[in-house]
PDB file of N, CA and C in Angstrom:
ATOM      1  N   UNK A   1     -23.630  17.139 296.798  1.00  0.00           N
ATOM      2  CA  UNK A   1     -23.416  18.522 296.420  1.00  0.00           C
ATOM      3  C   UNK A   1     -22.169  19.067 297.127  1.00  0.00           C
ATOM      4  N   UNK A   2     -21.981  18.635 298.344  1.00  0.00           N
ATOM      5  CA  UNK A   2     -20.820  19.109 299.089  1.00  0.00           C
ATOM      6  C   UNK A   2     -19.518  18.633 298.458  1.00  0.00           C
ATOM      7  N   UNK A   3     -19.541  17.391 297.921  1.00  0.00           N
ATOM      8  CA  UNK A   3     -18.366  16.844 297.254  1.00  0.00           C
ATOM      9  C   UNK A   3     -18.031  17.610 295.979  1.00  0.00           C
ATOM     10  N   UNK A   4     -19.063  18.132 295.316  1.00  0.00           N
ATOM     11  CA  UNK A   4     -18.850  18.907 294.104  1.00  0.00           C
ATOM     12  C   UNK A   4     -18.080  20.182 294.415  1.00  0.00           C
ATOM     13  N   UNK A   5     -18.481  20.891 295.468  1.00  0.00           N
ATOM     14  CA  UNK A   5     -17.791  22.133 295.829  1.00  0.00           C
ATOM     15  C   UNK A   5     -16.391  21.861 296.375  1.00  0.00           C
ATOM     16  N   UNK A   6     -16.197  20.751 297.029  1.00  0.00           N
ATOM     17  CA  UNK A   6     -14.851  20.392 297.489  1.00  0.00           C
ATOM     18  C   UNK A   6     -13.939  20.111 296.297  1.00  0.00           C
ATOM     19  N   UNK A   7     -14.496  19.463 295.263  1.00  0.00           N
ATOM     20  CA  UNK A   7     -13.711  19.204 294.066  1.00  0.00           C
ATOM     21  C   UNK A   7     -13.330  20.530 293.391  1.00  0.00           C
ATOM     22  N   UNK A   8     -14.261  21.496 293.362  1.00  0.00           N
ATOM     23  CA  UNK A   8     -13.948  22.788 292.761  1.00  0.00           C
ATOM     24  C   UNK A   8     -12.874  23.537 293.553  1.00  0.00           C
ATOM     25  N   UNK A   9     -12.853  23.350 294.857  1.00  0.00           N
ATOM     26  CA  UNK A   9     -11.808  23.999 295.659  1.00  0.00           C
ATOM     27  C   UNK A   9     -10.430  23.411 295.353  1.00  0.00           C
ATOM     28  N   UNK A  10     -10.397  22.096 295.098  1.00  0.00           N
ATOM     29  CA  UNK A  10      -9.118  21.457 294.809  1.00  0.00           C
ATOM     30  C   UNK A  10      -8.660  21.727 293.380  1.00  0.00           C
ATOM     31  N   UNK A  11      -9.599  21.707 292.438  1.00  0.00           N
ATOM     32  CA  UNK A  11      -9.265  21.879 291.017  1.00  0.00           C
ATOM     33  C   UNK A  11      -9.931  23.150 290.504  1.00  0.00           C
ATOM     34  N   UNK A  12      -9.291  24.267 290.728  1.00  0.00           N
ATOM     35  CA  UNK A  12      -9.854  25.565 290.366  1.00  0.00           C
ATOM     36  C   UNK A  12      -9.916  25.787 288.851  1.00  0.00           C
ATOM     37  N   UNK A  13      -9.174  25.005 288.075  1.00  0.00           N
ATOM     38  CA  UNK A  13      -9.212  25.174 286.625  1.00  0.00           C
ATOM     39  C   UNK A  13     -10.532  24.693 286.017  1.00  0.00           C
ATOM     40  N   UNK A  14     -11.345  23.978 286.782  1.00  0.00           N
ATOM     41  CA  UNK A  14     -12.648  23.532 286.289  1.00  0.00           C
ATOM     42  C   UNK A  14     -13.724  24.613 286.390  1.00  0.00           C
ATOM     43  N   UNK A  15     -13.490  25.652 287.148  1.00  0.00           N
ATOM     44  CA  UNK A  15     -14.497  26.699 287.358  1.00  0.00           C
ATOM     45  C   UNK A  15     -14.865  27.395 286.041  1.00  0.00           C
ATOM     46  N   UNK A  16     -13.926  27.833 285.195  1.00  0.00           N
ATOM     47  CA  UNK A  16     -14.334  28.444 283.921  1.00  0.00           C
ATOM     48  C   UNK A  16     -15.064  27.464 282.997  1.00  0.00           C
ATOM     49  N   UNK A  17     -14.629  26.207 282.992  1.00  0.00           N
ATOM     50  CA  UNK A  17     -15.284  25.204 282.159  1.00  0.00           C
ATOM     51  C   UNK A  17     -16.744  25.020 282.574  1.00  0.00           C
ATOM     52  N   UNK A  18     -16.984  24.921 283.847  1.00  0.00           N
ATOM     53  CA  UNK A  18     -18.349  24.767 284.339  1.00  0.00           C
ATOM     54  C   UNK A  18     -19.163  26.026 284.050  1.00  0.00           C
ATOM     55  N   UNK A  19     -18.532  27.191 284.165  1.00  0.00           N
ATOM     56  CA  UNK A  19     -19.221  28.442 283.860  1.00  0.00           C
ATOM     57  C   UNK A  19     -19.630  28.523 282.397  1.00  0.00           C
ATOM     58  N   UNK A  20     -18.716  28.166 281.484  1.00  0.00           N
ATOM     59  CA  UNK A  20     -19.039  28.194 280.056  1.00  0.00           C
ATOM     60  C   UNK A  20     -20.094  27.158 279.700  1.00  0.00           C
ATOM     61  N   UNK A  21     -20.022  25.990 280.295  1.00  0.00           N
ATOM     62  CA  UNK A  21     -21.021  24.962 280.021  1.00  0.00           C
ATOM     63  C   UNK A  21     -22.397  25.390 280.525  1.00  0.00           C
ATOM     64  N   UNK A  22     -22.445  26.041 281.675  1.00  0.00           N
ATOM     65  CA  UNK A  22     -23.711  26.547 282.195  1.00  0.00           C
ATOM     66  C   UNK A  22     -24.261  27.637 281.293  1.00  0.00           C
ATOM     67  N   UNK A  23     -23.398  28.528 280.829  1.00  0.00           N
ATOM     68  CA  UNK A  23     -23.819  29.591 279.920  1.00  0.00           C
ATOM     69  C   UNK A  23     -24.343  29.013 278.599  1.00  0.00           C
ATOM     70  N   UNK A  24     -23.673  28.013 278.057  1.00  0.00           N
ATOM     71  CA  UNK A  24     -24.100  27.394 276.804  1.00  0.00           C
ATOM     72  C   UNK A  24     -25.440  26.680 276.973  1.00  0.00           C
ATOM     73  N   UNK A  25     -25.612  25.968 278.061  1.00  0.00           N
ATOM     74  CA  UNK A  25     -26.874  25.268 278.298  1.00  0.00           C
ATOM     75  C   UNK A  25     -28.020  26.255 278.490  1.00  0.00           C
ATOM     76  N   UNK A  26     -27.760  27.348 279.197  1.00  0.00           N
ATOM     77  CA  UNK A  26     -28.787  28.371 279.386  1.00  0.00           C
ATOM     78  C   UNK A  26     -29.133  29.037 278.064  1.00  0.00           C
ATOM     79  N   UNK A  27     -28.151  29.340 277.249  1.00  0.00           N
ATOM     80  CA  UNK A  27     -28.403  29.950 275.947  1.00  0.00           C
ATOM     81  C   UNK A  27     -29.177  29.033 275.021  1.00  0.00           C
ATOM     82  N   UNK A  28     -28.843  27.760 275.003  1.00  0.00           N
ATOM     83  CA  UNK A  28     -29.560  26.806 274.151  1.00  0.00           C
ATOM     84  C   UNK A  28     -31.006  26.653 274.603  1.00  0.00           C
ATOM     85  N   UNK A  29     -31.223  26.597 275.893  1.00  0.00           N
ATOM     86  CA  UNK A  29     -32.583  26.487 276.411  1.00  0.00           C
ATOM     87  C   UNK A  29     -33.384  27.741 276.111  1.00  0.00           C
ATOM     88  N   UNK A  30     -32.785  28.897 276.301  1.00  0.00           N
ATOM     89  CA  UNK A  30     -33.478  30.156 276.024  1.00  0.00           C
ATOM     90  C   UNK A  30     -33.813  30.287 274.544  1.00  0.00           C
ATOM     91  N   UNK A  31     -32.878  29.944 273.666  1.00  0.00           N
ATOM     92  CA  UNK A  31     -33.134  30.012 272.224  1.00  0.00           C
ATOM     93  C   UNK A  31     -34.237  29.035 271.828  1.00  0.00           C
ATOM     94  N   UNK A  32     -34.233  27.856 272.390  1.00  0.00           N
ATOM     95  CA  UNK A  32     -35.274  26.872 272.076  1.00  0.00           C
ATOM     96  C   UNK A  32     -36.651  27.378 272.481  1.00  0.00           C
ATOM     97  N   UNK A  33     -36.752  27.937 273.657  1.00  0.00           N
ATOM     98  CA  UNK A  33     -38.037  28.463 274.122  1.00  0.00           C
ATOM     99  C   UNK A  33     -38.461  29.653 273.278  1.00  0.00           C
ATOM    100  N   UNK A  34     -37.524  30.517 272.908  1.00  0.00           N
ATOM    101  CA  UNK A  34     -37.837  31.676 272.062  1.00  0.00           C
ATOM    102  C   UNK A  34     -38.389  31.233 270.711  1.00  0.00           C
ATOM    103  N   UNK A  35     -37.712  30.292 270.051  1.00  0.00           N
ATOM    104  CA  UNK A  35     -38.177  29.828 268.749  1.00  0.00           C
ATOM    105  C   UNK A  35     -39.490  29.063 268.864  1.00  0.00           C
ATOM    106  N   UNK A  36     -39.674  28.346 269.944  1.00  0.00           N
ATOM    107  CA  UNK A  36     -40.901  27.590 270.151  1.00  0.00           C
ATOM    108  C   UNK A  36     -42.107  28.497 270.299  1.00  0.00           C
ATOM    109  N   UNK A  37     -41.924  29.631 270.955  1.00  0.00           N
ATOM    110  CA  UNK A  37     -43.054  30.514 271.234  1.00  0.00           C
ATOM    111  C   UNK A  37     -43.260  31.596 270.187  1.00  0.00           C
ATOM    112  N   UNK A  38     -42.246  31.960 269.409  1.00  0.00           N
ATOM    113  CA  UNK A  38     -42.401  33.105 268.512  1.00  0.00           C
ATOM    114  C   UNK A  38     -42.386  32.758 267.033  1.00  0.00           C
ATOM    115  N   UNK A  39     -41.828  31.661 266.630  1.00  0.00           N
ATOM    116  CA  UNK A  39     -41.710  31.355 265.204  1.00  0.00           C
ATOM    117  C   UNK A  39     -42.926  30.572 264.722  1.00  0.00           C
ATOM    118  N   UNK A  40     -43.338  30.866 263.495  1.00  0.00           N
ATOM    119  CA  UNK A  40     -44.554  30.252 262.971  1.00  0.00           C
ATOM    120  C   UNK A  40     -44.324  28.861 262.396  1.00  0.00           C
ATOM    121  N   UNK A  41     -43.091  28.472 262.140  1.00  0.00           N
ATOM    122  CA  UNK A  41     -42.856  27.154 261.570  1.00  0.00           C
ATOM    123  C   UNK A  41     -42.706  26.059 262.630  1.00  0.00           C
ATOM    124  N   UNK A  42     -42.835  26.424 263.904  1.00  0.00           N
ATOM    125  CA  UNK A  42     -42.801  25.452 264.985  1.00  0.00           C
ATOM    126  C   UNK A  42     -44.233  25.236 265.448  1.00  0.00           C
ATOM    127  N   UNK A  43     -44.680  23.993 265.469  1.00  0.00           N
ATOM    128  CA  UNK A  43     -46.070  23.679 265.791  1.00  0.00           C
ATOM    129  C   UNK A  43     -46.126  22.904 267.100  1.00  0.00           C
ATOM    130  N   UNK A  44     -46.935  23.387 268.026  1.00  0.00           N
ATOM    131  CA  UNK A  44     -47.166  22.656 269.264  1.00  0.00           C
ATOM    132  C   UNK A  44     -48.464  21.860 269.200  1.00  0.00           C
ATOM    133  N   UNK A  45     -49.532  22.484 268.701  1.00  0.00           N
ATOM    134  CA  UNK A  45     -50.836  21.857 268.640  1.00  0.00           C
ATOM    135  C   UNK A  45     -51.229  21.716 267.174  1.00  0.00           C
ATOM    136  N   UNK A  46     -51.053  20.537 266.635  1.00  0.00           N
ATOM    137  CA  UNK A  46     -51.294  20.328 265.217  1.00  0.00           C
ATOM    138  C   UNK A  46     -52.780  20.175 264.900  1.00  0.00           C
ATOM    139  N   UNK A  47     -53.604  19.863 265.894  1.00  0.00           N
ATOM    140  CA  UNK A  47     -55.018  19.641 265.624  1.00  0.00           C
ATOM    141  C   UNK A  47     -55.769  20.946 265.388  1.00  0.00           C
ATOM    142  N   UNK A  48     -55.385  22.025 266.047  1.00  0.00           N
ATOM    143  CA  UNK A  48     -56.108  23.278 265.874  1.00  0.00           C
ATOM    144  C   UNK A  48     -55.710  23.997 264.592  1.00  0.00           C
ATOM    145  N   UNK A  49     -54.493  23.776 264.106  1.00  0.00           N
ATOM    146  CA  UNK A  49     -54.042  24.423 262.877  1.00  0.00           C
ATOM    147  C   UNK A  49     -53.175  23.436 262.100  1.00  0.00           C
ATOM    148  N   UNK A  50     -53.794  22.570 261.283  1.00  0.00           N
ATOM    149  CA  UNK A  50     -52.996  21.540 260.608  1.00  0.00           C
ATOM    150  C   UNK A  50     -52.119  22.085 259.484  1.00  0.00           C
ATOM    151  N   UNK A  51     -52.410  23.286 258.971  1.00  0.00           N
ATOM    152  CA  UNK A  51     -51.609  23.876 257.902  1.00  0.00           C
ATOM    153  C   UNK A  51     -51.142  25.269 258.313  1.00  0.00           C
ATOM    154  N   UNK A  52     -50.144  25.361 259.184  1.00  0.00           N
ATOM    155  CA  UNK A  52     -49.734  26.676 259.692  1.00  0.00           C
ATOM    156  C   UNK A  52     -49.047  27.542 258.647  1.00  0.00           C
ATOM    157  N   UNK A  53     -48.536  26.945 257.594  1.00  0.00           N
ATOM    158  CA  UNK A  53     -47.839  27.722 256.567  1.00  0.00           C
ATOM    159  C   UNK A  53     -48.811  28.592 255.770  1.00  0.00           C
ATOM    160  N   UNK A  54     -50.109  28.341 255.893  1.00  0.00           N
ATOM    161  CA  UNK A  54     -51.093  29.166 255.191  1.00  0.00           C
ATOM    162  C   UNK A  54     -51.273  30.525 255.864  1.00  0.00           C
ATOM    163  N   UNK A  55     -50.955  30.605 257.146  1.00  0.00           N
ATOM    164  CA  UNK A  55     -51.156  31.854 257.877  1.00  0.00           C
ATOM    165  C   UNK A  55     -49.875  32.634 258.101  1.00  0.00           C
ATOM    166  N   UNK A  56     -48.792  32.302 257.422  1.00  0.00           N
ATOM    167  CA  UNK A  56     -47.521  33.015 257.570  1.00  0.00           C
ATOM    168  C   UNK A  56     -47.599  34.319 256.787  1.00  0.00           C
ATOM    169  N   UNK A  57     -47.269  35.407 257.447  1.00  0.00           N
ATOM    170  CA  UNK A  57     -47.257  36.713 256.788  1.00  0.00           C
ATOM    171  C   UNK A  57     -45.960  36.853 255.991  1.00  0.00           C
ATOM    172  N   UNK A  58     -46.043  36.992 254.669  1.00  0.00           N
ATOM    173  CA  UNK A  58     -44.818  37.032 253.867  1.00  0.00           C
ATOM    174  C   UNK A  58     -44.016  38.321 254.023  1.00  0.00           C
ATOM    175  N   UNK A  59     -44.602  39.349 254.616  1.00  0.00           N
ATOM    176  CA  UNK A  59     -43.866  40.602 254.766  1.00  0.00           C
ATOM    177  C   UNK A  59     -42.984  40.607 256.004  1.00  0.00           C
ATOM    178  N   UNK A  60     -43.222  39.717 256.954  1.00  0.00           N
ATOM    179  CA  UNK A  60     -42.372  39.662 258.147  1.00  0.00           C
ATOM    180  C   UNK A  60     -41.254  38.656 257.920  1.00  0.00           C
ATOM    181  N   UNK A  61     -40.026  38.989 258.302  1.00  0.00           N
ATOM    182  CA  UNK A  61     -38.916  38.049 258.100  1.00  0.00           C
ATOM    183  C   UNK A  61     -39.067  36.841 259.021  1.00  0.00           C
ATOM    184  N   UNK A  62     -38.783  35.669 258.504  1.00  0.00           N
ATOM    185  CA  UNK A  62     -38.918  34.429 259.263  1.00  0.00           C
ATOM    186  C   UNK A  62     -37.585  33.953 259.824  1.00  0.00           C
ATOM    187  N   UNK A  63     -36.513  34.580 259.418  1.00  0.00           N
ATOM    188  CA  UNK A  63     -35.198  34.175 259.898  1.00  0.00           C
ATOM    189  C   UNK A  63     -34.776  35.071 261.052  1.00  0.00           C
ATOM    190  N   UNK A  64     -33.758  34.643 261.764  1.00  0.00           N
ATOM    191  CA  UNK A  64     -33.250  35.444 262.862  1.00  0.00           C
ATOM    192  C   UNK A  64     -32.577  36.706 262.332  1.00  0.00           C
ATOM    193  N   UNK A  65     -31.929  36.606 261.168  1.00  0.00           N
ATOM    194  CA  UNK A  65     -31.228  37.729 260.565  1.00  0.00           C
ATOM    195  C   UNK A  65     -31.485  37.686 259.061  1.00  0.00           C
ATOM    196  N   UNK A  66     -32.093  38.725 258.495  1.00  0.00           N
ATOM    197  CA  UNK A  66     -32.456  38.746 257.082  1.00  0.00           C
ATOM    198  C   UNK A  66     -31.843  39.968 256.412  1.00  0.00           C
ATOM    199  N   UNK A  67     -31.223  39.762 255.255  1.00  0.00           N
ATOM    200  CA  UNK A  67     -30.637  40.858 254.491  1.00  0.00           C
ATOM    201  C   UNK A  67     -31.397  40.989 253.178  1.00  0.00           C
ATOM    202  N   UNK A  68     -31.912  42.186 252.894  1.00  0.00           N
ATOM    203  CA  UNK A  68     -32.565  42.515 251.625  1.00  0.00           C
ATOM    204  C   UNK A  68     -33.639  41.506 251.223  1.00  0.00           C
ATOM    205  N   UNK A  69     -34.584  41.294 252.106  1.00  0.00           N
ATOM    206  CA  UNK A  69     -35.655  40.352 251.793  1.00  0.00           C
ATOM    207  C   UNK A  69     -36.646  41.008 250.836  1.00  0.00           C
ATOM    208  N   UNK A  70     -36.864  40.373 249.721  1.00  0.00           N
ATOM    209  CA  UNK A  70     -37.858  40.833 248.754  1.00  0.00           C
ATOM    210  C   UNK A  70     -38.783  39.661 248.464  1.00  0.00           C
ATOM    211  N   UNK A  71     -40.071  39.900 248.628  1.00  0.00           N
ATOM    212  CA  UNK A  71     -41.036  38.829 248.439  1.00  0.00           C
ATOM    213  C   UNK A  71     -41.998  39.201 247.337  1.00  0.00           C
ATOM    214  N   UNK A  72     -42.209  38.266 246.429  1.00  0.00           N
ATOM    215  CA  UNK A  72     -43.207  38.416 245.373  1.00  0.00           C
ATOM    216  C   UNK A  72     -44.065  37.161 245.383  1.00  0.00           C
ATOM    217  N   UNK A  73     -45.374  37.312 245.270  1.00  0.00           N
ATOM    218  CA  UNK A  73     -46.217  36.103 245.251  1.00  0.00           C
ATOM    219  C   UNK A  73     -46.010  35.315 243.960  1.00  0.00           C
ATOM    220  N   UNK A  74     -46.016  34.008 244.089  1.00  0.00           N
ATOM    221  CA  UNK A  74     -45.904  33.124 242.932  1.00  0.00           C
ATOM    222  C   UNK A  74     -47.303  32.973 242.350  1.00  0.00           C
ATOM    223  N   UNK A  75     -47.448  33.315 241.091  1.00  0.00           N
ATOM    224  CA  UNK A  75     -48.772  33.352 240.475  1.00  0.00           C
ATOM    225  C   UNK A  75     -49.440  31.983 240.460  1.00  0.00           C
ATOM    226  N   UNK A  76     -48.672  30.935 240.220  1.00  0.00           N
ATOM    227  CA  UNK A  76     -49.242  29.589 240.175  1.00  0.00           C
ATOM    228  C   UNK A  76     -49.785  29.185 241.541  1.00  0.00           C
ATOM    229  N   UNK A  77     -49.059  29.521 242.582  1.00  0.00           N
ATOM    230  CA  UNK A  77     -49.525  29.186 243.929  1.00  0.00           C
ATOM    231  C   UNK A  77     -50.777  29.960 244.294  1.00  0.00           C
ATOM    232  N   UNK A  78     -50.833  31.210 243.914  1.00  0.00           N
ATOM    233  CA  UNK A  78     -52.025  32.008 244.188  1.00  0.00           C
ATOM    234  C   UNK A  78     -53.235  31.428 243.455  1.00  0.00           C
ATOM    235  N   UNK A  79     -53.048  30.952 242.232  1.00  0.00           N
ATOM    236  CA  UNK A  79     -54.124  30.342 241.472  1.00  0.00           C
ATOM    237  C   UNK A  79     -54.610  29.063 242.144  1.00  0.00           C
ATOM    238  N   UNK A  80     -53.673  28.232 242.601  1.00  0.00           N
ATOM    239  CA  UNK A  80     -54.037  26.989 243.285  1.00  0.00           C
ATOM    240  C   UNK A  80     -54.771  27.298 244.592  1.00  0.00           C
ATOM    241  N   UNK A  81     -54.343  28.301 245.327  1.00  0.00           N
ATOM    242  CA  UNK A  81     -55.017  28.684 246.572  1.00  0.00           C
ATOM    243  C   UNK A  81     -56.457  29.100 246.293  1.00  0.00           C
ATOM    244  N   UNK A  82     -56.652  29.896 245.251  1.00  0.00           N
ATOM    245  CA  UNK A  82     -58.009  30.340 244.921  1.00  0.00           C
ATOM    246  C   UNK A  82     -58.894  29.179 244.481  1.00  0.00           C
ATOM    247  N   UNK A  83     -58.320  28.225 243.767  1.00  0.00           N
ATOM    248  CA  UNK A  83     -59.116  27.097 243.281  1.00  0.00           C
ATOM    249  C   UNK A  83     -59.478  26.113 244.394  1.00  0.00           C
ATOM    250  N   UNK A  84     -58.607  25.968 245.392  1.00  0.00           N
ATOM    251  CA  UNK A  84     -58.874  24.998 246.460  1.00  0.00           C
ATOM    252  C   UNK A  84     -59.753  25.560 247.570  1.00  0.00           C
ATOM    253  N   UNK A  85     -59.944  26.855 247.623  1.00  0.00           N
ATOM    254  CA  UNK A  85     -60.771  27.428 248.694  1.00  0.00           C
ATOM    255  C   UNK A  85     -62.208  27.531 248.299  1.00  0.00           C
TER     256      UNK A  85
END
């Protein structure tokens, strides 16, 4: 660790590069954890809910950024759901 800081003292142009790489790694990790815990299409435990797409609320946007989302149920799918239950 001491050699790392000595290298940074000698080559100061590496400091912004290391800062940006740290910021990018932190952002990627944070985004991964956010999507893992909040999005319904990511499954951690498949045994308790083998069909998670059945419990998705169609009125809530599933994307990070949604413009003019309009949802209408597909009649054929609703018929199949009623017949299989």
